[in-house]
Protein backbone atom coordinates (compact mmCIF):
# COMPACT_ATOMS: atom_id res chain seq x y z
CA MET A 1 0.00 0.00 0.00
CA SER A 2 1.27 3.48 -0.86
CA ASP A 3 2.15 6.08 1.75
CA SER A 4 -0.81 8.27 0.74
CA TYR A 5 -4.50 7.69 0.00
CA LYS A 6 -6.08 8.93 -3.19
CA PHE A 7 -9.79 9.64 -2.98
CA ASP A 8 -12.04 12.68 -3.00
CA GLY A 9 -12.76 12.74 0.72
CA ILE A 10 -14.50 10.67 3.37
CA ILE A 11 -17.14 11.64 5.88
CA HIS A 12 -17.75 9.16 8.69
CA VAL A 13 -21.32 9.10 10.01
CA VAL A 14 -21.94 8.17 13.67
CA SER A 15 -24.93 8.23 16.01
CA SER A 16 -23.04 10.33 18.55
CA LEU A 17 -19.61 11.10 19.91
CA GLU A 18 -20.28 9.58 23.30
CA VAL A 19 -17.43 7.46 24.67
CA GLY A 20 -17.70 4.10 22.92
CA GLY A 21 -15.58 1.63 21.01
CA ALA A 22 -16.91 2.40 17.53
CA GLU A 23 -16.70 6.16 18.12
CA ARG A 24 -13.10 5.96 19.34
CA PHE A 25 -12.22 3.78 16.39
CA VAL A 26 -13.70 6.31 13.95
CA ILE A 27 -11.61 9.11 15.47
CA ASP A 28 -8.42 7.01 15.25
CA LEU A 29 -9.23 6.05 11.66
CA CYS A 30 -9.85 9.69 10.72
CA GLN A 31 -6.50 10.73 12.15
CA LEU A 32 -4.63 8.08 10.18
CA GLN A 33 -6.54 8.78 6.97
CA SER A 34 -5.84 12.49 7.37
CA ALA A 35 -2.13 11.80 7.96
CA LYS A 36 -2.13 9.89 4.68
CA GLY A 37 -3.50 12.86 2.79
CA ALA A 38 -7.25 12.22 2.72
CA SER A 39 -9.82 14.90 3.39
CA VAL A 40 -11.87 13.52 6.29
CA ALA A 41 -14.69 14.61 8.60
CA ILE A 42 -17.26 13.21 11.01
CA LEU A 43 -21.01 13.76 10.86
CA SER A 44 -22.49 13.19 14.32
CA PHE A 45 -26.18 12.90 15.16
CA GLY A 46 -25.32 13.41 18.83
CA LEU A 47 -24.83 16.56 20.86
CA ILE A 48 -22.17 19.23 20.54
CA SER A 49 -21.45 18.53 24.22
CA ASP A 50 -20.66 14.83 23.63
CA PRO A 51 -17.35 14.04 25.41
CA LEU A 52 -15.43 12.91 22.32
CA VAL A 53 -16.11 16.16 20.44
CA LYS A 54 -13.23 17.79 22.33
CA GLU A 55 -10.96 14.94 21.28
CA CYS A 56 -11.91 15.55 17.65
CA VAL A 57 -11.17 19.27 18.01
CA SER A 58 -7.76 18.61 19.56
CA ALA A 59 -7.01 16.15 16.74
CA GLU A 60 -8.11 18.78 14.16
CA ILE A 61 -10.88 16.56 12.81
CA LYS A 62 -13.78 18.51 11.31
CA VAL A 63 -17.09 17.59 12.98
CA PHE A 64 -20.52 18.37 11.58
CA HIS A 65 -23.55 18.34 13.89
CA THR A 66 -27.23 18.07 13.02
CA ALA A 67 -29.93 20.48 14.15
CA ASN A 68 -32.94 19.69 16.35
CA SER A 69 -35.95 19.12 14.10
CA ARG A 70 -36.12 16.29 11.56
CA ILE A 71 -36.21 18.64 8.56
CA LYS A 72 -33.29 20.68 9.88
CA LYS A 73 -31.33 17.49 10.59
CA TRP A 74 -31.84 16.29 7.02
CA LYS A 75 -30.80 19.69 5.67
CA SER A 76 -27.65 19.90 7.81
CA ALA A 77 -26.73 16.28 7.00
CA LEU A 78 -27.01 16.94 3.25
CA THR A 79 -24.92 20.07 3.62
CA ALA A 80 -22.25 18.11 5.49
CA ILE A 81 -21.91 15.24 3.03
CA ARG A 82 -22.01 17.45 -0.07
CA ALA A 83 -18.22 17.92 -0.22
CA TYR A 84 -17.32 14.25 0.32
CA LYS A 85 -17.27 11.39 -2.15
CA VAL A 86 -17.28 8.55 0.39
CA VAL A 87 -20.05 8.50 3.00
CA HIS A 88 -19.11 5.86 5.58
CA PHE A 89 -21.89 4.90 8.01
CA HIS A 90 -20.70 3.30 11.26
CA SER A 91 -24.14 2.80 12.79
CA PRO A 92 -27.52 1.60 11.50
CA TYR A 93 -29.35 4.43 13.29
CA PRO A 94 -28.18 7.40 11.18
CA LEU A 95 -28.49 5.23 8.06
CA LYS A 96 -32.14 4.61 8.95
CA PHE A 97 -32.71 8.31 9.58
CA MET A 98 -31.08 9.35 6.31
CA LEU A 99 -32.80 6.72 4.17
CA PRO A 100 -35.28 9.24 2.63
CA LEU A 101 -32.26 11.25 1.43
CA MET A 102 -30.53 8.38 -0.33
CA PRO A 103 -31.97 9.15 -3.79
CA LEU A 104 -30.11 12.47 -3.49
CA CYS A 105 -26.83 10.64 -2.83
CA LEU A 106 -26.66 8.47 -5.95
CA PHE A 107 -23.27 9.88 -6.92
CA LYS A 108 -21.79 9.16 -3.50
CA ASN A 109 -19.88 6.04 -2.53
CA ILE A 110 -22.00 4.72 0.36
CA VAL A 111 -20.21 2.36 2.75
CA TYR A 112 -21.92 0.72 5.73
CA THR A 113 -19.92 -0.87 8.57
CA ARG A 114 -21.62 -2.89 11.30
CA HIS A 115 -19.55 -2.77 14.48
CA GLY A 116 -21.88 -5.01 16.48
CA ALA A 117 -23.58 -8.36 16.08
CA ASP A 118 -27.15 -7.36 16.99
CA PRO A 119 -29.42 -8.88 14.29
CA LEU A 120 -31.83 -5.90 14.34
CA ALA A 121 -34.49 -8.34 13.23
CA GLY A 122 -37.55 -6.20 14.01
CA LYS A 123 -39.96 -5.33 11.21
CA SER A 124 -38.85 -1.69 10.87
CA TRP A 125 -35.18 -2.72 10.71
CA ARG A 126 -35.89 -5.38 8.08
CA TRP A 127 -37.65 -2.83 5.90
CA MET A 128 -34.87 -0.30 6.45
CA HIS A 129 -32.17 -2.75 5.38
CA LYS A 130 -34.24 -3.88 2.40
CA ILE A 131 -34.38 -0.31 1.09
CA ALA A 132 -30.80 0.53 2.15
CA ASN A 133 -29.56 -2.37 0.03
CA LEU A 134 -30.55 -0.34 -3.05
CA PHE A 135 -28.19 2.51 -2.14
CA VAL A 136 -25.31 1.08 -0.09
CA ASN A 137 -22.38 0.26 -2.37
CA ARG A 138 -20.35 -1.86 0.05
CA ILE A 139 -20.92 -3.35 3.48
CA SER A 140 -18.34 -4.50 6.02
CA PHE A 141 -18.29 -6.09 9.46
CA VAL A 142 -15.75 -6.32 12.27
CA SER A 143 -16.42 -10.02 12.87
CA ARG A 144 -17.47 -13.02 10.80
CA GLU A 145 -20.24 -13.74 13.30
CA GLY A 146 -21.65 -10.26 12.72
CA ALA A 147 -21.65 -10.87 8.96
CA ASP A 148 -23.34 -14.26 9.34
CA ILE A 149 -26.03 -12.90 11.67
CA PHE A 150 -26.71 -10.02 9.27
CA THR A 151 -27.06 -12.47 6.37
CA LEU A 152 -29.62 -14.54 8.27
CA SER A 153 -31.62 -11.45 9.25
CA HIS A 154 -31.40 -9.31 6.11
CA GLY A 155 -29.95 -11.32 3.24
CA TRP A 156 -28.12 -8.89 0.94
CA SER A 157 -26.97 -11.86 -1.15
CA ASN A 158 -26.19 -9.42 -3.97
CA LYS A 159 -23.28 -7.92 -2.03
CA ILE A 160 -19.96 -9.25 -0.80
CA LYS A 161 -19.78 -9.02 3.00
CA TYR A 162 -16.27 -7.93 3.91
CA VAL A 163 -14.79 -8.53 7.35
CA ILE A 164 -12.23 -5.92 8.42
CA ASP A 165 -10.60 -6.24 11.82
CA ASN A 166 -10.46 -3.19 14.04
CA GLY A 167 -6.98 -1.99 14.95
CA VAL A 168 -5.12 0.16 17.44
CA ASN A 169 -2.49 2.83 16.88
CA LEU A 170 0.37 1.44 18.98
CA ALA A 171 2.32 4.70 18.66
CA LYS A 172 -0.25 6.29 20.99
CA VAL A 173 -0.02 3.58 23.65
CA SER A 174 1.96 4.64 26.71
CA ILE A 175 2.25 1.97 29.40
CA ASN A 176 2.94 3.52 32.81
CA ARG A 177 0.89 1.34 35.11
CA LYS A 178 1.66 1.91 38.80
CA GLN A 179 2.11 -1.04 41.13
CA SER A 180 -0.70 -1.77 43.57
CA GLU A 181 -1.22 -4.11 46.48
CA ARG A 182 -4.61 -4.91 45.00
CA PHE A 183 -5.48 -6.96 41.94
CA ARG A 184 -7.28 -4.45 39.72
CA ILE A 185 -9.96 -5.55 37.26
CA GLY A 186 -11.28 -3.08 34.68
CA SER A 187 -14.60 -2.79 32.88
CA VAL A 188 -14.76 -0.35 29.97
CA GLY A 189 -17.93 0.54 28.09
CA ARG A 190 -21.47 1.83 28.19
CA MET A 191 -23.43 0.62 31.20
CA VAL A 192 -26.31 -1.07 29.41
CA ALA A 193 -28.06 -4.41 29.90
CA LEU A 194 -26.29 -5.92 26.88
CA LYS A 195 -22.91 -5.44 28.57
CA ASN A 196 -24.09 -7.26 31.72
CA GLN A 197 -21.52 -5.58 33.99
CA ILE A 198 -23.55 -6.70 37.02
CA SER A 199 -22.20 -10.23 36.49
CA LEU A 200 -18.69 -8.98 37.32
CA LEU A 201 -19.92 -7.82 40.72
CA GLN A 202 -21.82 -11.08 41.19
CA ALA A 203 -18.65 -13.05 40.42
CA LEU A 204 -16.87 -11.12 43.15
CA MET A 205 -19.30 -12.55 45.70
CA PHE A 206 -18.30 -16.12 44.76
CA ILE A 207 -14.73 -15.42 45.88
CA GLU A 208 -13.77 -16.13 49.48
CA GLU A 209 -13.79 -12.92 51.52
CA SER A 210 -10.09 -12.90 52.45
CA VAL A 211 -9.21 -13.15 48.74
CA ARG A 212 -11.94 -10.73 47.72
CA ARG A 213 -10.37 -8.00 49.84
CA LYS A 214 -7.33 -8.12 47.55
CA ILE A 215 -9.45 -7.26 44.49
CA GLU A 216 -10.46 -3.85 43.17
CA ILE A 217 -12.90 -3.29 40.30
CA HIS A 218 -12.69 -0.14 38.15
CA PHE A 219 -15.70 0.79 36.01
CA PHE A 220 -15.16 3.26 33.16
CA GLY A 221 -18.34 4.44 31.48
CA ASP A 222 -21.88 5.47 32.25
CA GLY A 223 -25.39 4.56 31.22
CA PRO A 224 -28.78 3.32 32.41
CA SER A 225 -27.34 0.28 34.22
CA PHE A 226 -25.27 2.43 36.57
CA ALA A 227 -28.10 2.60 39.13
CA GLN A 228 -28.28 -1.21 39.27
CA LEU A 229 -24.52 -1.50 39.73
CA ASP A 230 -24.40 1.18 42.41
CA GLU A 231 -27.31 -0.42 44.27
CA TYR A 232 -25.48 -3.76 44.28
CA VAL A 233 -22.32 -2.13 45.62
CA GLN A 234 -24.30 -0.49 48.43
CA LYS A 235 -26.21 -3.68 49.25
CA TYR A 236 -23.09 -5.81 49.66
CA THR A 237 -20.86 -3.07 51.12
CA LEU A 238 -18.35 -3.11 48.26
CA GLN A 239 -17.58 0.61 48.29
CA LYS A 240 -13.92 0.05 49.17
CA GLN A 241 -13.44 -2.36 46.30
CA VAL A 242 -15.49 -0.85 43.48
CA ILE A 243 -14.60 2.48 41.86
CA PHE A 244 -16.87 4.23 39.35
CA HIS A 245 -14.80 6.59 37.21
CA GLY A 246 -17.62 7.72 34.94
CA MET A 247 -16.91 8.83 31.38
CA VAL A 248 -13.16 9.14 30.80
CA SER A 249 -11.73 9.87 27.35
CA ASP A 250 -8.00 9.54 28.13
CA ARG A 251 -7.15 5.97 27.14
CA ASN A 252 -3.74 6.07 28.82
CA LYS A 253 -5.51 6.88 32.07
CA ILE A 254 -8.11 4.16 31.55
CA TYR A 255 -5.89 1.22 30.65
CA ASN A 256 -3.10 2.05 33.10
CA SER A 257 -5.62 2.00 35.95
CA PHE A 258 -6.10 -1.78 36.06
CA ASP A 259 -4.28 -5.05 35.51
CA VAL A 260 -6.93 -7.19 33.78
CA LEU A 261 -9.89 -6.32 31.55
CA ALA A 262 -13.22 -8.10 32.08
CA VAL A 263 -15.79 -8.13 29.26
CA THR A 264 -19.12 -9.68 30.26
CA SER A 265 -21.27 -8.80 27.22
CA GLU A 266 -24.06 -10.91 25.77
CA THR A 267 -22.89 -10.04 22.25
CA GLU A 268 -19.81 -8.32 20.83
CA GLY A 269 -18.45 -7.43 17.43
CA LEU A 270 -14.69 -7.02 17.56
CA SER A 271 -14.28 -5.25 20.89
CA LEU A 272 -12.05 -2.19 20.68
CA ALA A 273 -11.82 -2.21 24.48
CA ILE A 274 -10.26 -5.68 24.34
CA ILE A 275 -7.88 -4.67 21.55
CA GLU A 276 -6.79 -1.57 23.44
CA ALA A 277 -6.39 -3.40 26.75
CA MET A 278 -4.25 -6.04 25.05
CA ALA A 279 -2.07 -3.27 23.62
CA TYR A 280 -1.55 -2.14 27.22
CA ASN A 281 -0.33 -5.63 28.24
CA CYS A 282 -3.58 -6.69 29.91
CA PRO A 283 -4.79 -10.29 30.17
CA ILE A 284 -8.47 -10.58 29.21
CA LEU A 285 -11.47 -12.27 30.84
CA ALA A 286 -14.27 -12.31 28.26
CA THR A 287 -17.50 -14.03 27.34
CA ASP A 288 -17.19 -16.56 24.54
CA VAL A 289 -19.31 -14.57 22.09
CA GLY A 290 -18.94 -12.66 18.82
CA GLY A 291 -15.41 -11.62 17.96
CA ASN A 292 -14.06 -12.22 21.47
CA PRO A 293 -12.52 -15.64 20.68
CA LYS A 294 -10.64 -14.03 17.80
CA LEU A 295 -8.91 -11.74 20.30
CA VAL A 296 -8.75 -13.92 23.40
CA SER A 297 -6.89 -17.20 22.97
CA HIS A 298 -8.17 -19.28 25.89
CA GLU A 299 -5.40 -20.03 28.39
CA LYS A 300 -2.86 -18.09 26.30
CA ASN A 301 -3.65 -14.42 26.84
CA GLY A 302 -6.75 -14.78 28.99
CA TYR A 303 -9.85 -16.86 29.60
CA LEU A 304 -13.16 -17.24 27.80
CA PHE A 305 -16.32 -18.17 29.68
CA ASP A 306 -20.00 -18.65 28.87
CA TYR A 307 -22.25 -15.62 29.06
CA ASN A 308 -23.46 -14.97 32.62
CA ASP A 309 -21.38 -17.84 34.07
CA VAL A 310 -20.35 -15.89 37.15
CA LYS A 311 -18.83 -18.92 38.89
CA ALA A 312 -16.44 -19.52 35.98
CA LEU A 313 -15.53 -15.83 35.94
CA ALA A 314 -14.83 -15.94 39.68
CA ASN A 315 -12.65 -19.01 39.23
CA TYR A 316 -10.58 -17.36 36.47
CA ILE A 317 -10.11 -14.21 38.57
CA GLU A 318 -8.73 -16.35 41.38
CA MET A 319 -6.42 -18.23 39.00
CA LEU A 320 -4.89 -15.01 37.66
CA LEU A 321 -4.65 -13.51 41.12
CA GLY A 322 -2.75 -16.51 42.47
CA GLU A 323 -0.32 -17.17 39.60
CA GLY A 324 2.19 -14.37 38.99
CA GLU A 325 4.01 -16.21 36.22
CA LEU A 326 0.73 -17.02 34.45
CA PHE A 327 -0.33 -13.37 34.67
CA THR A 328 3.00 -12.17 33.22
CA ASN A 329 2.82 -14.66 30.36
CA PHE A 330 -0.77 -13.68 29.50
CA SER A 331 0.23 -10.00 29.55
CA GLN A 332 3.07 -10.55 27.11
CA GLN A 333 0.97 -12.67 24.78
CA SER A 334 -1.76 -10.01 24.67
CA ARG A 335 0.66 -7.35 23.44
CA LYS A 336 2.33 -9.67 20.92
CA LYS A 337 -1.01 -10.62 19.39
CA ILE A 338 -1.98 -6.98 18.84
CA GLU A 339 1.40 -6.14 17.32
CA LYS A 340 1.08 -9.06 14.92
CA GLN A 341 -2.59 -9.00 13.91
CA PHE A 342 -4.43 -5.80 14.84
CA SER A 343 -2.56 -2.73 13.65
CA LEU A 344 -4.62 0.34 12.78
CA LEU A 345 -2.48 0.90 9.69
CA ALA A 346 -3.46 -2.48 8.20
CA CYS A 347 -7.11 -1.78 9.06
CA SER A 348 -7.00 1.66 7.43
CA ASP A 349 -5.43 0.25 4.28
CA LYS A 350 -8.24 -2.30 3.98
CA TYR A 351 -10.86 0.43 4.26
CA HIS A 352 -8.99 2.36 1.56
CA GLN A 353 -9.26 -0.69 -0.70
CA LEU A 354 -12.95 -1.04 0.22
CA TYR A 355 -13.64 2.57 -0.82
CA GLU A 356 -11.85 2.03 -4.12
CA GLY A 357 -13.51 -1.35 -4.77
CA SER A 358 -10.18 -3.18 -4.87
CA LEU A 359 -10.52 -5.26 -1.70
């Protein structure tokens, strides 16, 4: 691949610029595409006050926002995409909203990336995808499972379904983790039912109390499930062991705050939180769903467990806590796997080929 990209410009369309894996990935991708000479921007259907907007400004990424009413949103969206040849949707929600405008975008290169594995099998989503198939030029996924689930739900047999792994910019990773007497477990992501973070707290209660006191859980993120998590902490008097950091955008701060990442989701695409934690030398404890097994090699850089199997999760926490050599080996294997397989540069090059139709 050449050192520069040759296309007329790309605008990445997202639901919001809240802190989330797909949103962070889009910002990283924009920065690399811009460094390679492309004209890039982000169209967000979120708020100007969204936490990642400041990160875009500091990275000199142009961000377009939509107005309040439906008509004004359509007008501002059309104005934003006018100067860009490639319109890259990273969420089904803005694609659904902009569907009435698609006949006006016939000369655009419409790319649709699904970052999750949710089938979106409801009637309105099936109709949306049936119509969107007429206008989307290329579709990609971050995991094979996501592509297979989409095929079962929506078909699109007329289009090749590309799978492009997410990646991390290792040049931005700064490992300066401080030593702690406690074994620190991190959870990174929106606090929603799908992420099932409550199971991490439940697993803690299956660990003998003298061992449990050595453990600290760090939650990064916010969302509707926070109240449930906080209530559980209060009920079982876990305040000294559970820390809620809220929304934090500084990834060096996030991933240097804990030793192991726990991902308890019911479904996942290709988790950027796992990729980033591995880049920071973290072993991973993750549910055996979606793209997680592609990142987590069981008993090599972490452990996989069945969704909501809190006893298995508790057992793996104890195993890592009690085996220093095992922990060190898992940490090293995590970093090596990212260096070898999940570079942002390789990911960006594949999207370049997707835009040009040469992938």
